[in-house]
């Protein structure tokens, strides 16, 4: 099932933003303090990043589900984005019809 797994938020200072957002949202700072985790289920994670742009990470549970979700999103008007992917990338970058980037990630990879 395609779902919002994380919102990646571009911030100037991940430590200061992490302190603020963890308290504001009542999220916990995990082993990686740039990943804020909901204390209760149902909410997506918040990733703080000083180099990446703000975007949604949509999660799938398998490679087949990821492929099907990408095909469906493209049929709805999304486009594939040329990207410099690392080896063994678990994500695909797409853009919505207005050009806003987002990722579809196979979290089982």
PDB file of N, CA and C in Angstrom:
ATOM      1  N   UNK A   1       0.841  -1.177   0.000  1.00  0.00           N
ATOM      2  CA  UNK A   1       0.000   0.000   0.000  1.00  0.00           C
ATOM      3  C   UNK A   1       0.890   1.245   0.000  1.00  0.00           C
ATOM      4  N   UNK A   2       0.676   2.123  -0.946  1.00  0.00           N
ATOM      5  CA  UNK A   2       1.433   3.372  -1.018  1.00  0.00           C
ATOM      6  C   UNK A   2       0.985   4.287   0.105  1.00  0.00           C
ATOM      7  N   UNK A   3       1.969   4.850   0.823  1.00  0.00           N
ATOM      8  CA  UNK A   3       1.644   5.719   1.956  1.00  0.00           C
ATOM      9  C   UNK A   3       2.750   6.745   2.156  1.00  0.00           C
ATOM     10  N   UNK A   4       2.424   7.830   2.819  1.00  0.00           N
ATOM     11  CA  UNK A   4       3.458   8.802   3.170  1.00  0.00           C
ATOM     12  C   UNK A   4       4.250   8.205   4.322  1.00  0.00           C
ATOM     13  N   UNK A   5       5.515   7.938   4.070  1.00  0.00           N
ATOM     14  CA  UNK A   5       6.385   7.377   5.102  1.00  0.00           C
ATOM     15  C   UNK A   5       7.161   8.452   5.824  1.00  0.00           C
ATOM     16  N   UNK A   6       7.504   9.518   5.092  1.00  0.00           N
ATOM     17  CA  UNK A   6       8.288  10.583   5.689  1.00  0.00           C
ATOM     18  C   UNK A   6       8.095  11.865   4.905  1.00  0.00           C
ATOM     19  N   UNK A   7       8.216  12.954   5.615  1.00  0.00           N
ATOM     20  CA  UNK A   7       8.333  14.267   5.006  1.00  0.00           C
ATOM     21  C   UNK A   7       9.777  14.684   5.236  1.00  0.00           C
ATOM     22  N   UNK A   8      10.474  15.020   4.159  1.00  0.00           N
ATOM     23  CA  UNK A   8      11.850  15.507   4.261  1.00  0.00           C
ATOM     24  C   UNK A   8      11.771  17.026   4.260  1.00  0.00           C
ATOM     25  N   UNK A   9      12.236  17.625   5.327  1.00  0.00           N
ATOM     26  CA  UNK A   9      12.120  19.069   5.516  1.00  0.00           C
ATOM     27  C   UNK A   9      13.501  19.703   5.414  1.00  0.00           C
ATOM     28  N   UNK A  10      13.671  20.604   4.460  1.00  0.00           N
ATOM     29  CA  UNK A  10      14.938  21.314   4.311  1.00  0.00           C
ATOM     30  C   UNK A  10      15.032  22.365   5.408  1.00  0.00           C
ATOM     31  N   UNK A  11      16.095  22.299   6.204  1.00  0.00           N
ATOM     32  CA  UNK A  11      16.309  23.242   7.312  1.00  0.00           C
ATOM     33  C   UNK A  11      17.751  23.710   7.295  1.00  0.00           C
ATOM     34  N   UNK A  12      17.997  24.892   7.828  1.00  0.00           N
ATOM     35  CA  UNK A  12      19.354  25.444   7.864  1.00  0.00           C
ATOM     36  C   UNK A  12      20.199  24.779   8.954  1.00  0.00           C
ATOM     37  N   UNK A  13      19.587  24.368  10.057  1.00  0.00           N
ATOM     38  CA  UNK A  13      20.311  23.802  11.195  1.00  0.00           C
ATOM     39  C   UNK A  13      19.511  22.615  11.708  1.00  0.00           C
ATOM     40  N   UNK A  14      19.970  21.404  11.407  1.00  0.00           N
ATOM     41  CA  UNK A  14      19.191  20.221  11.771  1.00  0.00           C
ATOM     42  C   UNK A  14      19.067  20.038  13.282  1.00  0.00           C
ATOM     43  N   UNK A  15      20.083  20.426  14.042  1.00  0.00           N
ATOM     44  CA  UNK A  15      20.018  20.273  15.493  1.00  0.00           C
ATOM     45  C   UNK A  15      18.963  21.202  16.101  1.00  0.00           C
ATOM     46  N   UNK A  16      19.005  22.466  15.722  1.00  0.00           N
ATOM     47  CA  UNK A  16      18.013  23.422  16.259  1.00  0.00           C
ATOM     48  C   UNK A  16      16.613  23.072  15.790  1.00  0.00           C
ATOM     49  N   UNK A  17      16.480  22.731  14.512  1.00  0.00           N
ATOM     50  CA  UNK A  17      15.165  22.366  13.987  1.00  0.00           C
ATOM     51  C   UNK A  17      14.668  21.086  14.653  1.00  0.00           C
ATOM     52  N   UNK A  18      15.575  20.131  14.880  1.00  0.00           N
ATOM     53  CA  UNK A  18      15.190  18.890  15.538  1.00  0.00           C
ATOM     54  C   UNK A  18      14.680  19.117  16.945  1.00  0.00           C
ATOM     55  N   UNK A  19      15.338  19.997  17.675  1.00  0.00           N
ATOM     56  CA  UNK A  19      14.872  20.321  19.030  1.00  0.00           C
ATOM     57  C   UNK A  19      13.472  20.922  18.984  1.00  0.00           C
ATOM     58  N   UNK A  20      13.266  21.853  18.057  1.00  0.00           N
ATOM     59  CA  UNK A  20      11.959  22.504  17.944  1.00  0.00           C
ATOM     60  C   UNK A  20      10.874  21.522  17.509  1.00  0.00           C
ATOM     61  N   UNK A  21      11.099  20.848  16.364  1.00  0.00           N
ATOM     62  CA  UNK A  21      10.045  20.009  15.795  1.00  0.00           C
ATOM     63  C   UNK A  21       9.742  18.788  16.651  1.00  0.00           C
ATOM     64  N   UNK A  22      10.749  18.242  17.349  1.00  0.00           N
ATOM     65  CA  UNK A  22      10.465  17.094  18.216  1.00  0.00           C
ATOM     66  C   UNK A  22       9.542  17.504  19.352  1.00  0.00           C
ATOM     67  N   UNK A  23       9.737  18.689  19.887  1.00  0.00           N
ATOM     68  CA  UNK A  23       8.846  19.177  20.942  1.00  0.00           C
ATOM     69  C   UNK A  23       7.492  19.609  20.380  1.00  0.00           C
ATOM     70  N   UNK A  24       7.516  20.328  19.259  1.00  0.00           N
ATOM     71  CA  UNK A  24       6.264  20.835  18.676  1.00  0.00           C
ATOM     72  C   UNK A  24       5.323  19.698  18.297  1.00  0.00           C
ATOM     73  N   UNK A  25       5.875  18.628  17.723  1.00  0.00           N
ATOM     74  CA  UNK A  25       5.050  17.516  17.248  1.00  0.00           C
ATOM     75  C   UNK A  25       4.975  16.358  18.246  1.00  0.00           C
ATOM     76  N   UNK A  26       5.719  16.488  19.348  1.00  0.00           N
ATOM     77  CA  UNK A  26       5.829  15.406  20.326  1.00  0.00           C
ATOM     78  C   UNK A  26       6.356  14.130  19.668  1.00  0.00           C
ATOM     79  N   UNK A  27       7.401  14.298  18.858  1.00  0.00           N
ATOM     80  CA  UNK A  27       8.095  13.190  18.201  1.00  0.00           C
ATOM     81  C   UNK A  27       9.368  12.904  18.983  1.00  0.00           C
ATOM     82  N   UNK A  28       9.870  11.671  18.863  1.00  0.00           N
ATOM     83  CA  UNK A  28      11.137  11.292  19.492  1.00  0.00           C
ATOM     84  C   UNK A  28      12.260  11.415  18.480  1.00  0.00           C
ATOM     85  N   UNK A  29      13.422  11.791  18.979  1.00  0.00           N
ATOM     86  CA  UNK A  29      14.614  11.784  18.140  1.00  0.00           C
ATOM     87  C   UNK A  29      15.250  10.414  18.299  1.00  0.00           C
ATOM     88  N   UNK A  30      15.331   9.677  17.204  1.00  0.00           N
ATOM     89  CA  UNK A  30      15.837   8.305  17.245  1.00  0.00           C
ATOM     90  C   UNK A  30      17.345   8.256  17.335  1.00  0.00           C
ATOM     91  N   UNK A  31      17.910   7.127  16.928  1.00  0.00           N
ATOM     92  CA  UNK A  31      19.364   6.958  16.929  1.00  0.00           C
ATOM     93  C   UNK A  31      20.020   8.012  16.050  1.00  0.00           C
ATOM     94  N   UNK A  32      19.374   8.344  14.946  1.00  0.00           N
ATOM     95  CA  UNK A  32      19.828   9.438  14.084  1.00  0.00           C
ATOM     96  C   UNK A  32      18.989  10.655  14.445  1.00  0.00           C
ATOM     97  N   UNK A  33      19.566  11.679  15.066  1.00  0.00           N
ATOM     98  CA  UNK A  33      18.768  12.809  15.545  1.00  0.00           C
ATOM     99  C   UNK A  33      18.105  13.639  14.446  1.00  0.00           C
ATOM    100  N   UNK A  34      18.459  13.360  13.178  1.00  0.00           N
ATOM    101  CA  UNK A  34      17.811  14.068  12.074  1.00  0.00           C
ATOM    102  C   UNK A  34      16.510  13.389  11.647  1.00  0.00           C
ATOM    103  N   UNK A  35      16.215  12.220  12.225  1.00  0.00           N
ATOM    104  CA  UNK A  35      14.968  11.503  11.937  1.00  0.00           C
ATOM    105  C   UNK A  35      14.087  11.594  13.162  1.00  0.00           C
ATOM    106  N   UNK A  36      12.964  12.272  13.032  1.00  0.00           N
ATOM    107  CA  UNK A  36      12.031  12.411  14.137  1.00  0.00           C
ATOM    108  C   UNK A  36      10.923  11.381  13.966  1.00  0.00           C
ATOM    109  N   UNK A  37      10.674  10.608  15.011  1.00  0.00           N
ATOM    110  CA  UNK A  37       9.745   9.488  14.947  1.00  0.00           C
ATOM    111  C   UNK A  37       8.509   9.765  15.795  1.00  0.00           C
ATOM    112  N   UNK A  38       7.327   9.466  15.267  1.00  0.00           N
ATOM    113  CA  UNK A  38       6.120   9.685  16.058  1.00  0.00           C
ATOM    114  C   UNK A  38       6.118   8.787  17.291  1.00  0.00           C
ATOM    115  N   UNK A  39       5.665   9.328  18.412  1.00  0.00           N
ATOM    116  CA  UNK A  39       5.585   8.529  19.641  1.00  0.00           C
ATOM    117  C   UNK A  39       4.458   7.519  19.565  1.00  0.00           C
ATOM    118  N   UNK A  40       3.447   7.845  18.786  1.00  0.00           N
ATOM    119  CA  UNK A  40       2.316   6.937  18.610  1.00  0.00           C
ATOM    120  C   UNK A  40       2.208   6.610  17.131  1.00  0.00           C
ATOM    121  N   UNK A  41       1.692   5.418  16.820  1.00  0.00           N
ATOM    122  CA  UNK A  41       1.569   4.995  15.434  1.00  0.00           C
ATOM    123  C   UNK A  41       0.629   5.886  14.635  1.00  0.00           C
ATOM    124  N   UNK A  42       0.716   5.726  13.322  1.00  0.00           N
ATOM    125  CA  UNK A  42      -0.204   6.439  12.447  1.00  0.00           C
ATOM    126  C   UNK A  42       0.376   7.666  11.772  1.00  0.00           C
ATOM    127  N   UNK A  43       1.392   8.254  12.348  1.00  0.00           N
ATOM    128  CA  UNK A  43       1.993   9.448  11.741  1.00  0.00           C
ATOM    129  C   UNK A  43       3.250   9.054  10.980  1.00  0.00           C
ATOM    130  N   UNK A  44       3.596   9.844   9.989  1.00  0.00           N
ATOM    131  CA  UNK A  44       4.829   9.579   9.250  1.00  0.00           C
ATOM    132  C   UNK A  44       6.008  10.207   9.973  1.00  0.00           C
ATOM    133  N   UNK A  45       7.208   9.792   9.565  1.00  0.00           N
ATOM    134  CA  UNK A  45       8.426  10.360  10.143  1.00  0.00           C
ATOM    135  C   UNK A  45       8.700  11.731   9.545  1.00  0.00           C
ATOM    136  N   UNK A  46       9.503  12.504  10.237  1.00  0.00           N
ATOM    137  CA  UNK A  46       9.992  13.784   9.745  1.00  0.00           C
ATOM    138  C   UNK A  46      11.507  13.676   9.657  1.00  0.00           C
ATOM    139  N   UNK A  47      12.048  13.848   8.447  1.00  0.00           N
ATOM    140  CA  UNK A  47      13.499  13.822   8.242  1.00  0.00           C
ATOM    141  C   UNK A  47      13.960  15.256   8.055  1.00  0.00           C
ATOM    142  N   UNK A  48      14.962  15.662   8.808  1.00  0.00           N
ATOM    143  CA  UNK A  48      15.519  17.013   8.699  1.00  0.00           C
ATOM    144  C   UNK A  48      16.802  16.934   7.890  1.00  0.00           C
ATOM    145  N   UNK A  49      16.928  17.802   6.894  1.00  0.00           N
ATOM    146  CA  UNK A  49      18.072  17.737   5.993  1.00  0.00           C
ATOM    147  C   UNK A  49      18.462  19.148   5.575  1.00  0.00           C
ATOM    148  N   UNK A  50      19.746  19.453   5.674  1.00  0.00           N
ATOM    149  CA  UNK A  50      20.205  20.799   5.309  1.00  0.00           C
ATOM    150  C   UNK A  50      20.631  20.891   3.849  1.00  0.00           C
ATOM    151  N   UNK A  51      20.661  19.755   3.129  1.00  0.00           N
ATOM    152  CA  UNK A  51      21.119  19.790   1.740  1.00  0.00           C
ATOM    153  C   UNK A  51      20.040  19.401   0.742  1.00  0.00           C
ATOM    154  N   UNK A  52      19.065  18.632   1.154  1.00  0.00           N
ATOM    155  CA  UNK A  52      18.021  18.152   0.243  1.00  0.00           C
ATOM    156  C   UNK A  52      16.826  19.096   0.301  1.00  0.00           C
ATOM    157  N   UNK A  53      16.073  19.146  -0.781  1.00  0.00           N
ATOM    158  CA  UNK A  53      14.892  20.001  -0.799  1.00  0.00           C
ATOM    159  C   UNK A  53      13.732  19.327  -0.066  1.00  0.00           C
ATOM    160  N   UNK A  54      12.768  20.107   0.351  1.00  0.00           N
ATOM    161  CA  UNK A  54      11.585  19.576   1.009  1.00  0.00           C
ATOM    162  C   UNK A  54      10.789  18.729   0.020  1.00  0.00           C
ATOM    163  N   UNK A  55      10.420  17.510   0.450  1.00  0.00           N
ATOM    164  CA  UNK A  55       9.655  16.618  -0.416  1.00  0.00           C
ATOM    165  C   UNK A  55       9.020  15.498   0.403  1.00  0.00           C
ATOM    166  N   UNK A  56       8.088  14.788  -0.218  1.00  0.00           N
ATOM    167  CA  UNK A  56       7.474  13.621   0.397  1.00  0.00           C
ATOM    168  C   UNK A  56       8.238  12.369   0.005  1.00  0.00           C
ATOM    169  N   UNK A  57       8.353  11.438   0.945  1.00  0.00           N
ATOM    170  CA  UNK A  57       8.822  10.088   0.664  1.00  0.00           C
ATOM    171  C   UNK A  57       7.604   9.179   0.784  1.00  0.00           C
ATOM    172  N   UNK A  58       7.214   8.569  -0.335  1.00  0.00           N
ATOM    173  CA  UNK A  58       6.105   7.628  -0.339  1.00  0.00           C
ATOM    174  C   UNK A  58       6.678   6.224  -0.253  1.00  0.00           C
ATOM    175  N   UNK A  59       6.180   5.422   0.671  1.00  0.00           N
ATOM    176  CA  UNK A  59       6.741   4.104   0.931  1.00  0.00           C
ATOM    177  C   UNK A  59       5.876   3.005   0.342  1.00  0.00           C
ATOM    178  N   UNK A  60       6.555   1.966  -0.133  1.00  0.00           N
ATOM    179  CA  UNK A  60       5.900   0.715  -0.531  1.00  0.00           C
ATOM    180  C   UNK A  60       6.614  -0.418   0.201  1.00  0.00           C
ATOM    181  N   UNK A  61       5.979  -1.588   0.218  1.00  0.00           N
ATOM    182  CA  UNK A  61       6.519  -2.710   0.984  1.00  0.00           C
ATOM    183  C   UNK A  61       7.252  -3.756   0.151  1.00  0.00           C
ATOM    184  N   UNK A  62       7.322  -3.569  -1.167  1.00  0.00           N
ATOM    185  CA  UNK A  62       8.029  -4.528  -2.014  1.00  0.00           C
ATOM    186  C   UNK A  62       8.405  -3.863  -3.333  1.00  0.00           C
ATOM    187  N   UNK A  63       9.307  -4.499  -4.054  1.00  0.00           N
ATOM    188  CA  UNK A  63       9.717  -3.974  -5.361  1.00  0.00           C
ATOM    189  C   UNK A  63       8.543  -3.980  -6.341  1.00  0.00           C
ATOM    190  N   UNK A  64       7.743  -5.051  -6.322  1.00  0.00           N
ATOM    191  CA  UNK A  64       6.578  -5.125  -7.203  1.00  0.00           C
ATOM    192  C   UNK A  64       5.558  -4.038  -6.890  1.00  0.00           C
ATOM    193  N   UNK A  65       5.350  -3.805  -5.605  1.00  0.00           N
ATOM    194  CA  UNK A  65       4.428  -2.748  -5.199  1.00  0.00           C
ATOM    195  C   UNK A  65       4.961  -1.377  -5.615  1.00  0.00           C
ATOM    196  N   UNK A  66       6.269  -1.211  -5.518  1.00  0.00           N
ATOM    197  CA  UNK A  66       6.886   0.045  -5.927  1.00  0.00           C
ATOM    198  C   UNK A  66       6.672   0.283  -7.421  1.00  0.00           C
ATOM    199  N   UNK A  67       6.930  -0.750  -8.244  1.00  0.00           N
ATOM    200  CA  UNK A  67       6.727  -0.629  -9.692  1.00  0.00           C
ATOM    201  C   UNK A  67       5.277  -0.290 -10.020  1.00  0.00           C
ATOM    202  N   UNK A  68       4.338  -0.986  -9.372  1.00  0.00           N
ATOM    203  CA  UNK A  68       2.910  -0.745  -9.625  1.00  0.00           C
ATOM    204  C   UNK A  68       2.512   0.672  -9.213  1.00  0.00           C
ATOM    205  N   UNK A  69       3.035   1.134  -8.082  1.00  0.00           N
ATOM    206  CA  UNK A  69       2.713   2.486  -7.616  1.00  0.00           C
ATOM    207  C   UNK A  69       3.255   3.532  -8.586  1.00  0.00           C
ATOM    208  N   UNK A  70       4.476   3.317  -9.077  1.00  0.00           N
ATOM    209  CA  UNK A  70       5.069   4.263 -10.027  1.00  0.00           C
ATOM    210  C   UNK A  70       4.245   4.301 -11.313  1.00  0.00           C
ATOM    211  N   UNK A  71       3.870   3.135 -11.816  1.00  0.00           N
ATOM    212  CA  UNK A  71       3.037   3.094 -13.025  1.00  0.00           C
ATOM    213  C   UNK A  71       1.729   3.842 -12.805  1.00  0.00           C
ATOM    214  N   UNK A  72       1.098   3.618 -11.667  1.00  0.00           N
ATOM    215  CA  UNK A  72      -0.162   4.297 -11.359  1.00  0.00           C
ATOM    216  C   UNK A  72       0.028   5.808 -11.269  1.00  0.00           C
ATOM    217  N   UNK A  73       1.087   6.246 -10.585  1.00  0.00           N
ATOM    218  CA  UNK A  73       1.337   7.679 -10.431  1.00  0.00           C
ATOM    219  C   UNK A  73       1.631   8.334 -11.780  1.00  0.00           C
ATOM    220  N   UNK A  74       2.380   7.636 -12.631  1.00  0.00           N
ATOM    221  CA  UNK A  74       2.654   8.161 -13.975  1.00  0.00           C
ATOM    222  C   UNK A  74       1.350   8.263 -14.765  1.00  0.00           C
ATOM    223  N   UNK A  75       0.470   7.278 -14.617  1.00  0.00           N
ATOM    224  CA  UNK A  75      -0.818   7.335 -15.328  1.00  0.00           C
ATOM    225  C   UNK A  75      -1.686   8.498 -14.837  1.00  0.00           C
ATOM    226  N   UNK A  76      -1.422   8.957 -13.606  1.00  0.00           N
ATOM    227  CA  UNK A  76      -2.170  10.088 -13.047  1.00  0.00           C
ATOM    228  C   UNK A  76      -1.550  11.437 -13.424  1.00  0.00           C
ATOM    229  N   UNK A  77      -0.375  11.406 -14.075  1.00  0.00           N
ATOM    230  CA  UNK A  77       0.245  12.653 -14.512  1.00  0.00           C
ATOM    231  C   UNK A  77       1.628  12.917 -13.974  1.00  0.00           C
ATOM    232  N   UNK A  78       2.139  12.036 -13.103  1.00  0.00           N
ATOM    233  CA  UNK A  78       3.516  12.200 -12.616  1.00  0.00           C
ATOM    234  C   UNK A  78       4.488  11.886 -13.751  1.00  0.00           C
ATOM    235  N   UNK A  79       5.703  12.398 -13.635  1.00  0.00           N
ATOM    236  CA  UNK A  79       6.751  12.107 -14.612  1.00  0.00           C
ATOM    237  C   UNK A  79       8.005  11.623 -13.888  1.00  0.00           C
ATOM    238  N   UNK A  80       8.752  10.756 -14.563  1.00  0.00           N
ATOM    239  CA  UNK A  80      10.035  10.310 -14.018  1.00  0.00           C
ATOM    240  C   UNK A  80      11.046  11.448 -14.152  1.00  0.00           C
ATOM    241  N   UNK A  81      11.905  11.567 -13.164  1.00  0.00           N
ATOM    242  CA  UNK A  81      12.902  12.635 -13.126  1.00  0.00           C
ATOM    243  C   UNK A  81      14.285  12.023 -13.333  1.00  0.00           C
ATOM    244  N   UNK A  82      15.071  12.630 -14.218  1.00  0.00           N
ATOM    245  CA  UNK A  82      16.471  12.217 -14.381  1.00  0.00           C
ATOM    246  C   UNK A  82      17.171  12.488 -13.053  1.00  0.00           C
ATOM    247  N   UNK A  83      17.866  11.476 -12.529  1.00  0.00           N
ATOM    248  CA  UNK A  83      18.476  11.616 -11.208  1.00  0.00           C
ATOM    249  C   UNK A  83      19.766  10.835 -11.176  1.00  0.00           C
ATOM    250  N   UNK A  84      20.725  11.285 -10.421  1.00  0.00           N
ATOM    251  CA  UNK A  84      21.987  10.573 -10.223  1.00  0.00           C
ATOM    252  C   UNK A  84      21.792   9.621  -9.044  1.00  0.00           C
ATOM    253  N   UNK A  85      21.331   8.397  -9.349  1.00  0.00           N
ATOM    254  CA  UNK A  85      21.020   7.420  -8.311  1.00  0.00           C
ATOM    255  C   UNK A  85      22.271   6.736  -7.800  1.00  0.00           C
ATOM    256  N   UNK A  86      22.354   6.485  -6.488  1.00  0.00           N
ATOM    257  CA  UNK A  86      23.460   5.683  -5.963  1.00  0.00           C
ATOM    258  C   UNK A  86      23.260   4.217  -6.349  1.00  0.00           C
ATOM    259  N   UNK A  87      24.318   3.424  -6.254  1.00  0.00           N
ATOM    260  CA  UNK A  87      24.187   1.988  -6.488  1.00  0.00           C
ATOM    261  C   UNK A  87      23.156   1.419  -5.528  1.00  0.00           C
ATOM    262  N   UNK A  88      22.364   0.482  -6.011  1.00  0.00           N
ATOM    263  CA  UNK A  88      21.344  -0.191  -5.198  1.00  0.00           C
ATOM    264  C   UNK A  88      20.325   0.772  -4.592  1.00  0.00           C
ATOM    265  N   UNK A  89      19.986   1.824  -5.316  1.00  0.00           N
ATOM    266  CA  UNK A  89      18.998   2.790  -4.820  1.00  0.00           C
ATOM    267  C   UNK A  89      17.668   2.089  -4.577  1.00  0.00           C
ATOM    268  N   UNK A  90      17.027   2.420  -3.465  1.00  0.00           N
ATOM    269  CA  UNK A  90      15.723   1.857  -3.134  1.00  0.00           C
ATOM    270  C   UNK A  90      14.593   2.830  -3.452  1.00  0.00           C
ATOM    271  N   UNK A  91      14.916   3.933  -4.132  1.00  0.00           N
ATOM    272  CA  UNK A  91      13.938   4.973  -4.400  1.00  0.00           C
ATOM    273  C   UNK A  91      13.940   5.372  -5.872  1.00  0.00           C
ATOM    274  N   UNK A  92      12.814   5.924  -6.304  1.00  0.00           N
ATOM    275  CA  UNK A  92      12.673   6.485  -7.643  1.00  0.00           C
ATOM    276  C   UNK A  92      12.122   7.896  -7.458  1.00  0.00           C
ATOM    277  N   UNK A  93      12.718   8.851  -8.157  1.00  0.00           N
ATOM    278  CA  UNK A  93      12.277  10.240  -8.055  1.00  0.00           C
ATOM    279  C   UNK A  93      11.278  10.530  -9.166  1.00  0.00           C
ATOM    280  N   UNK A  94      10.148  11.071  -8.764  1.00  0.00           N
ATOM    281  CA  UNK A  94       9.103  11.484  -9.695  1.00  0.00           C
ATOM    282  C   UNK A  94       8.774  12.947  -9.440  1.00  0.00           C
ATOM    283  N   UNK A  95       8.056  13.543 -10.382  1.00  0.00           N
ATOM    284  CA  UNK A  95       7.542  14.899 -10.202  1.00  0.00           C
ATOM    285  C   UNK A  95       6.037  14.856 -10.433  1.00  0.00           C
ATOM    286  N   UNK A  96       5.303  15.609  -9.621  1.00  0.00           N
ATOM    287  CA  UNK A  96       3.858  15.689  -9.842  1.00  0.00           C
ATOM    288  C   UNK A  96       3.604  16.577 -11.063  1.00  0.00           C
ATOM    289  N   UNK A  97       2.355  16.733 -11.506  1.00  0.00           N
ATOM    290  CA  UNK A  97       2.089  17.519 -12.717  1.00  0.00           C
ATOM    291  C   UNK A  97       2.537  18.982 -12.642  1.00  0.00           C
ATOM    292  N   UNK A  98       2.780  19.488 -11.435  1.00  0.00           N
ATOM    293  CA  UNK A  98       3.241  20.878 -11.309  1.00  0.00           C
ATOM    294  C   UNK A  98       4.759  20.976 -11.158  1.00  0.00           C
ATOM    295  N   UNK A  99       5.454  19.817 -11.174  1.00  0.00           N
ATOM    296  CA  UNK A  99       6.914  19.819 -11.081  1.00  0.00           C
ATOM    297  C   UNK A  99       7.464  19.584  -9.691  1.00  0.00           C
ATOM    298  N   UNK A 100       6.608  19.389  -8.694  1.00  0.00           N
ATOM    299  CA  UNK A 100       7.070  19.135  -7.334  1.00  0.00           C
ATOM    300  C   UNK A 100       7.619  17.713  -7.242  1.00  0.00           C
ATOM    301  N   UNK A 101       8.853  17.597  -6.759  1.00  0.00           N
ATOM    302  CA  UNK A 101       9.503  16.297  -6.670  1.00  0.00           C
ATOM    303  C   UNK A 101       9.025  15.506  -5.457  1.00  0.00           C
ATOM    304  N   UNK A 102       9.028  14.180  -5.601  1.00  0.00           N
ATOM    305  CA  UNK A 102       8.772  13.274  -4.493  1.00  0.00           C
ATOM    306  C   UNK A 102       9.439  11.949  -4.810  1.00  0.00           C
ATOM    307  N   UNK A 103       9.611  11.110  -3.797  1.00  0.00           N
ATOM    308  CA  UNK A 103      10.266   9.815  -3.975  1.00  0.00           C
ATOM    309  C   UNK A 103       9.290   8.696  -3.672  1.00  0.00           C
ATOM    310  N   UNK A 104       9.432   7.593  -4.415  1.00  0.00           N
ATOM    311  CA  UNK A 104       8.716   6.359  -4.119  1.00  0.00           C
ATOM    312  C   UNK A 104       9.790   5.357  -3.682  1.00  0.00           C
ATOM    313  N   UNK A 105       9.697   4.902  -2.442  1.00  0.00           N
ATOM    314  CA  UNK A 105      10.745   4.099  -1.830  1.00  0.00           C
ATOM    315  C   UNK A 105      10.238   2.701  -1.508  1.00  0.00           C
ATOM    316  N   UNK A 106      11.032   1.701  -1.872  1.00  0.00           N
ATOM    317  CA  UNK A 106      10.757   0.324  -1.479  1.00  0.00           C
ATOM    318  C   UNK A 106      11.459   0.117  -0.147  1.00  0.00           C
ATOM    319  N   UNK A 107      10.709   0.132   0.945  1.00  0.00           N
ATOM    320  CA  UNK A 107      11.338   0.035   2.261  1.00  0.00           C
ATOM    321  C   UNK A 107      11.799  -1.387   2.588  1.00  0.00           C
ATOM    322  N   UNK A 108      11.470  -2.351   1.720  1.00  0.00           N
ATOM    323  CA  UNK A 108      11.887  -3.731   1.929  1.00  0.00           C
ATOM    324  C   UNK A 108      13.242  -4.006   1.274  1.00  0.00           C
ATOM    325  N   UNK A 109      13.803  -3.016   0.584  1.00  0.00           N
ATOM    326  CA  UNK A 109      15.068  -3.230  -0.137  1.00  0.00           C
ATOM    327  C   UNK A 109      16.233  -3.360   0.821  1.00  0.00           C
TER     328      UNK A 109
END
